[in-house]
Amino acid sequence: MKCTTFDTNAALAEQVVSELSALKPHSRVLIPSGSTPHWIYEALAATPFAERLTFFALDEWVNVPSESDGSCLNMINQDFVHKCAYPVRLVHFNPFASTAQNIAHYQTALNGEEFDYVILGVGMNGHIGLNEPGVPFDEDYLQTQLDDVTINVASHKYFSGDVTLTEGITVGLNKIIKAGKVIVIINHDTKKDIYQEIVNGDAHHTQVPAIYIKQFPQVNYYVTKNLIG
């Protein structure tokens, strides 16, 4: 397991932005929503080079309107896209399209290529995107039944009103591990338990996505020092 430790979220964000700035024009970058990438998006929005990259949203809630405050698209727009002074190319899932239509949309946008750089967070239950514990690890894209932990956390953390969360559409782990570089960010005190589970877990005998992907050489966990110890 590769793990790089940072003193602060700002230092972590600076490293990620530096790596993104070194990517070739038209590189494909897979990005998450939520609170984990906040510092990265804040730093990235202040730079000019992201307009030469193509961003892909990692996941989306099924049957939740994109304009909802807690939709994955809305969070990425509010935290990143709308703060940029330049146009940003963002490919995203349609929450009301079929799984086949969403997959075709991403396949067309990728045009036979793989992601060059992937940014991930980790859920309290060890999910990656909406790859929930117990999902098959050999899928490029999939529509998933949401875990109770995910529903509970997301409905209270990201949505201001009532919402019904049951399923998600996500880029699968099989697609993620084909990327040139994958960083998994763990940067909040509430993730101490799952961080220890990842460190101690057996990547070859697990149903937890965040443990499974640590076996791959292109995967690096970017962790703030408050998680250590």
Protein backbone atom coordinates (compact mmCIF):
# COMPACT_ATOMS: atom_id res chain seq x y z
CA MET A 1 0.00 0.00 0.00
CA LYS A 2 1.43 3.35 -1.05
CA CYS A 3 0.65 6.15 1.36
CA THR A 4 1.80 9.78 1.28
CA THR A 5 1.17 11.92 4.36
CA PHE A 6 0.57 15.67 4.33
CA ASP A 7 0.65 18.11 7.23
CA THR A 8 -2.43 20.00 6.03
CA ASN A 9 -5.24 19.85 3.50
CA ALA A 10 -3.68 22.86 1.78
CA ALA A 11 -0.41 20.97 1.29
CA LEU A 12 -2.29 17.96 -0.06
CA ALA A 13 -4.22 20.17 -2.47
CA GLU A 14 -1.02 21.86 -3.63
CA GLN A 15 0.49 18.48 -4.50
CA VAL A 16 -2.57 17.33 -6.44
CA VAL A 17 -2.81 20.60 -8.37
CA SER A 18 0.89 20.33 -9.22
CA GLU A 19 0.35 16.82 -10.59
CA LEU A 20 -2.66 17.95 -12.61
CA SER A 21 -0.67 20.85 -14.06
CA ALA A 22 1.88 18.36 -15.42
CA LEU A 23 -0.71 16.38 -17.40
CA LYS A 24 -0.75 16.63 -21.18
CA PRO A 25 -3.48 18.68 -22.87
CA HIS A 26 -6.77 16.79 -23.26
CA SER A 27 -5.93 14.42 -20.40
CA ARG A 28 -8.94 12.74 -18.82
CA VAL A 29 -9.41 13.33 -15.09
CA LEU A 30 -12.00 11.49 -12.98
CA ILE A 31 -13.20 13.56 -10.02
CA PRO A 32 -15.47 13.05 -6.97
CA SER A 33 -18.02 15.25 -5.28
CA GLY A 34 -18.54 15.84 -1.58
CA SER A 35 -16.40 17.39 1.13
CA THR A 36 -13.16 15.45 0.51
CA PRO A 37 -11.96 17.39 -2.58
CA HIS A 38 -12.97 20.86 -1.29
CA TRP A 39 -9.42 22.11 -0.83
CA ILE A 40 -8.33 20.74 -4.20
CA TYR A 41 -11.17 22.43 -6.06
CA GLU A 42 -10.54 25.71 -4.30
CA ALA A 43 -6.89 25.65 -5.41
CA LEU A 44 -7.66 24.31 -8.88
CA ALA A 45 -10.27 26.98 -9.60
CA ALA A 46 -7.59 29.64 -9.14
CA THR A 47 -5.35 28.17 -11.88
CA PRO A 48 -5.64 28.58 -15.66
CA PHE A 49 -4.47 25.16 -16.85
CA ALA A 50 -7.55 23.07 -16.01
CA GLU A 51 -9.30 24.34 -19.15
CA ARG A 52 -7.03 22.08 -21.20
CA LEU A 53 -8.19 18.98 -19.29
CA THR A 54 -11.41 16.98 -19.59
CA PHE A 55 -13.08 16.15 -16.28
CA PHE A 56 -15.44 13.24 -15.64
CA ALA A 57 -17.77 13.00 -12.64
CA LEU A 58 -17.20 9.80 -10.69
CA ASP A 59 -20.82 9.06 -9.83
CA GLU A 60 -24.39 10.27 -9.36
CA TRP A 61 -27.52 9.46 -7.38
CA VAL A 62 -30.16 7.73 -9.53
CA ASN A 63 -33.50 9.57 -9.90
CA VAL A 64 -32.31 12.63 -7.99
CA PRO A 65 -32.60 15.87 -10.03
CA SER A 66 -29.25 17.41 -10.95
CA GLU A 67 -30.35 20.77 -9.55
CA SER A 68 -30.81 19.26 -6.06
CA ASP A 69 -28.30 20.70 -3.60
CA GLY A 70 -26.85 17.27 -2.82
CA SER A 71 -26.61 15.89 -6.34
CA CYS A 72 -23.06 14.97 -7.31
CA LEU A 73 -23.18 17.23 -10.37
CA ASN A 74 -24.45 20.19 -8.37
CA MET A 75 -21.72 19.78 -5.76
CA ILE A 76 -18.98 19.66 -8.40
CA ASN A 77 -20.47 22.69 -10.14
CA GLN A 78 -20.75 24.70 -6.93
CA ASP A 79 -17.36 23.70 -5.51
CA PHE A 80 -15.34 23.84 -8.73
CA VAL A 81 -16.85 24.54 -12.14
CA HIS A 82 -18.76 27.73 -11.28
CA LYS A 83 -15.77 29.15 -9.41
CA CYS A 84 -13.48 28.93 -12.43
CA ALA A 85 -12.80 31.98 -14.58
CA TYR A 86 -12.44 29.74 -17.64
CA PRO A 87 -14.65 27.11 -19.28
CA VAL A 88 -14.41 23.63 -17.80
CA ARG A 89 -15.26 20.48 -19.75
CA LEU A 90 -17.18 18.16 -17.44
CA VAL A 91 -18.71 14.85 -18.52
CA HIS A 92 -21.35 13.62 -16.08
CA PHE A 93 -24.04 11.01 -15.60
CA ASN A 94 -27.73 11.69 -16.22
CA PRO A 95 -29.67 10.61 -13.11
CA PHE A 96 -32.75 9.77 -15.19
CA ALA A 97 -31.04 7.96 -18.09
CA SER A 98 -30.74 4.20 -18.30
CA THR A 99 -27.52 2.53 -17.20
CA ALA A 100 -26.80 1.63 -20.83
CA GLN A 101 -27.25 5.24 -21.94
CA ASN A 102 -24.94 6.54 -19.22
CA ILE A 103 -22.28 3.96 -20.04
CA ALA A 104 -22.46 4.82 -23.75
CA HIS A 105 -22.09 8.52 -22.91
CA TYR A 106 -18.86 7.92 -20.98
CA GLN A 107 -17.51 5.48 -23.55
CA THR A 108 -18.07 8.01 -26.32
CA ALA A 109 -16.40 10.79 -24.34
CA LEU A 110 -13.39 8.59 -23.54
CA ASN A 111 -13.12 7.51 -27.18
CA GLY A 112 -11.37 4.24 -26.36
CA GLU A 113 -8.90 5.80 -23.92
CA GLU A 114 -8.51 5.30 -20.17
CA PHE A 115 -8.47 7.93 -17.44
CA ASP A 116 -5.10 9.58 -17.01
CA TYR A 117 -5.63 10.69 -13.42
CA VAL A 118 -8.25 9.71 -10.85
CA ILE A 119 -9.13 11.49 -7.60
CA LEU A 120 -11.14 9.48 -5.07
CA GLY A 121 -12.49 9.87 -1.58
CA VAL A 122 -13.48 7.11 0.83
CA GLY A 123 -16.87 6.67 2.46
CA MET A 124 -17.38 5.81 6.12
CA ASN A 125 -18.13 2.25 4.98
CA GLY A 126 -15.15 2.08 2.63
CA HIS A 127 -17.04 2.76 -0.57
CA ILE A 128 -15.26 4.28 -3.56
CA GLY A 129 -17.58 6.49 -5.55
CA LEU A 130 -20.83 4.57 -5.30
CA ASN A 131 -19.04 1.24 -5.49
CA GLU A 132 -20.55 0.01 -2.24
CA PRO A 133 -19.20 -2.84 -0.08
CA GLY A 134 -20.02 -6.12 -1.78
CA VAL A 135 -20.29 -4.86 -5.38
CA PRO A 136 -18.45 -6.81 -8.09
CA PHE A 137 -14.95 -5.47 -8.64
CA ASP A 138 -14.77 -6.46 -12.32
CA GLU A 139 -17.19 -3.87 -13.75
CA ASP A 140 -16.22 -0.72 -15.69
CA TYR A 141 -19.53 0.99 -14.87
CA LEU A 142 -22.45 -0.11 -12.75
CA GLN A 143 -25.71 0.91 -11.16
CA THR A 144 -25.66 0.00 -7.49
CA GLN A 145 -28.03 -0.43 -4.57
CA LEU A 146 -26.91 2.06 -1.93
CA ASP A 147 -25.66 0.85 1.42
CA ASP A 148 -27.60 2.02 4.49
CA VAL A 149 -24.53 3.87 5.78
CA THR A 150 -24.23 5.79 2.51
CA ILE A 151 -27.92 6.73 2.53
CA ASN A 152 -27.79 7.87 6.13
CA VAL A 153 -24.64 9.98 5.77
CA ALA A 154 -25.50 11.51 2.40
CA SER A 155 -29.13 12.37 3.14
CA HIS A 156 -28.14 14.33 6.25
CA LYS A 157 -24.83 15.78 5.06
CA TYR A 158 -25.56 16.91 1.51
CA PHE A 159 -29.31 17.51 1.20
CA SER A 160 -31.17 20.35 2.90
CA GLY A 161 -34.60 18.78 2.39
CA ASP A 162 -36.18 15.35 2.19
CA VAL A 163 -34.68 13.03 -0.40
CA THR A 164 -35.08 9.38 -1.32
CA LEU A 165 -31.76 7.71 -2.09
CA THR A 166 -31.85 4.10 -3.24
CA GLU A 167 -29.41 3.64 -6.14
CA GLY A 168 -26.34 5.18 -7.70
CA ILE A 169 -24.55 5.11 -11.04
CA THR A 170 -20.76 5.02 -10.84
CA VAL A 171 -17.53 4.38 -12.66
CA GLY A 172 -16.55 0.88 -11.55
CA LEU A 173 -13.35 -0.29 -9.92
CA ASN A 174 -12.26 -2.21 -13.01
CA LYS A 175 -12.19 1.06 -14.97
CA ILE A 176 -10.56 3.01 -12.16
CA ILE A 177 -7.60 0.65 -11.83
CA LYS A 178 -6.82 1.01 -15.54
CA ALA A 179 -5.98 4.69 -14.99
CA GLY A 180 -2.46 6.09 -15.19
CA LYS A 181 -2.54 7.33 -11.60
CA VAL A 182 -5.12 6.96 -8.84
CA ILE A 183 -5.06 8.95 -5.60
CA VAL A 184 -7.33 8.07 -2.70
CA ILE A 185 -7.76 10.98 -0.30
CA ILE A 186 -8.50 10.48 3.39
CA ASN A 187 -8.41 13.80 5.17
CA HIS A 188 -10.96 14.00 7.95
CA ASP A 189 -10.96 12.87 11.58
CA THR A 190 -14.21 10.96 11.06
CA LYS A 191 -12.36 8.60 8.69
CA LYS A 192 -9.82 7.33 11.25
CA ASP A 193 -11.58 3.99 11.69
CA ILE A 194 -11.93 3.24 7.99
CA TYR A 195 -8.33 4.36 7.43
CA GLN A 196 -7.15 1.75 9.95
CA GLU A 197 -9.36 -0.86 8.29
CA ILE A 198 -7.72 -0.07 4.96
CA VAL A 199 -4.20 -0.26 6.40
CA ASN A 200 -4.86 -3.59 8.14
CA GLY A 201 -7.20 -5.14 5.57
CA ASP A 202 -6.37 -7.95 3.14
CA ALA A 203 -6.80 -6.58 -0.38
CA HIS A 204 -7.15 -10.09 -1.81
CA HIS A 205 -9.93 -11.17 0.55
CA THR A 206 -12.29 -8.26 1.03
CA GLN A 207 -15.64 -6.88 -0.06
CA VAL A 208 -14.59 -3.31 0.77
CA PRO A 209 -13.60 -1.28 -2.32
CA ALA A 210 -11.18 1.03 -0.46
CA ILE A 211 -9.24 -2.02 0.77
CA TYR A 212 -9.36 -3.88 -2.54
CA ILE A 213 -7.72 -1.18 -4.65
CA LYS A 214 -4.67 -0.76 -2.39
CA GLN A 215 -3.02 -3.75 -4.11
CA PHE A 216 -2.53 -1.88 -7.40
CA PRO A 217 0.80 -0.08 -8.02
CA GLN A 218 -0.73 3.07 -9.52
CA VAL A 219 -2.88 3.67 -6.41
CA ASN A 220 -1.55 6.04 -3.74
CA TYR A 221 -3.40 7.05 -0.57
CA TYR A 222 -3.00 10.76 0.18
CA VAL A 223 -3.61 11.15 3.90
CA THR A 224 -3.47 14.12 6.26
CA LYS A 225 -1.37 13.55 9.38
CA ASN A 226 -4.36 13.82 11.73
CA LEU A 227 -5.33 10.32 10.54
CA ILE A 228 -2.04 8.77 11.64
CA GLY A 229 -1.61 7.40 15.13
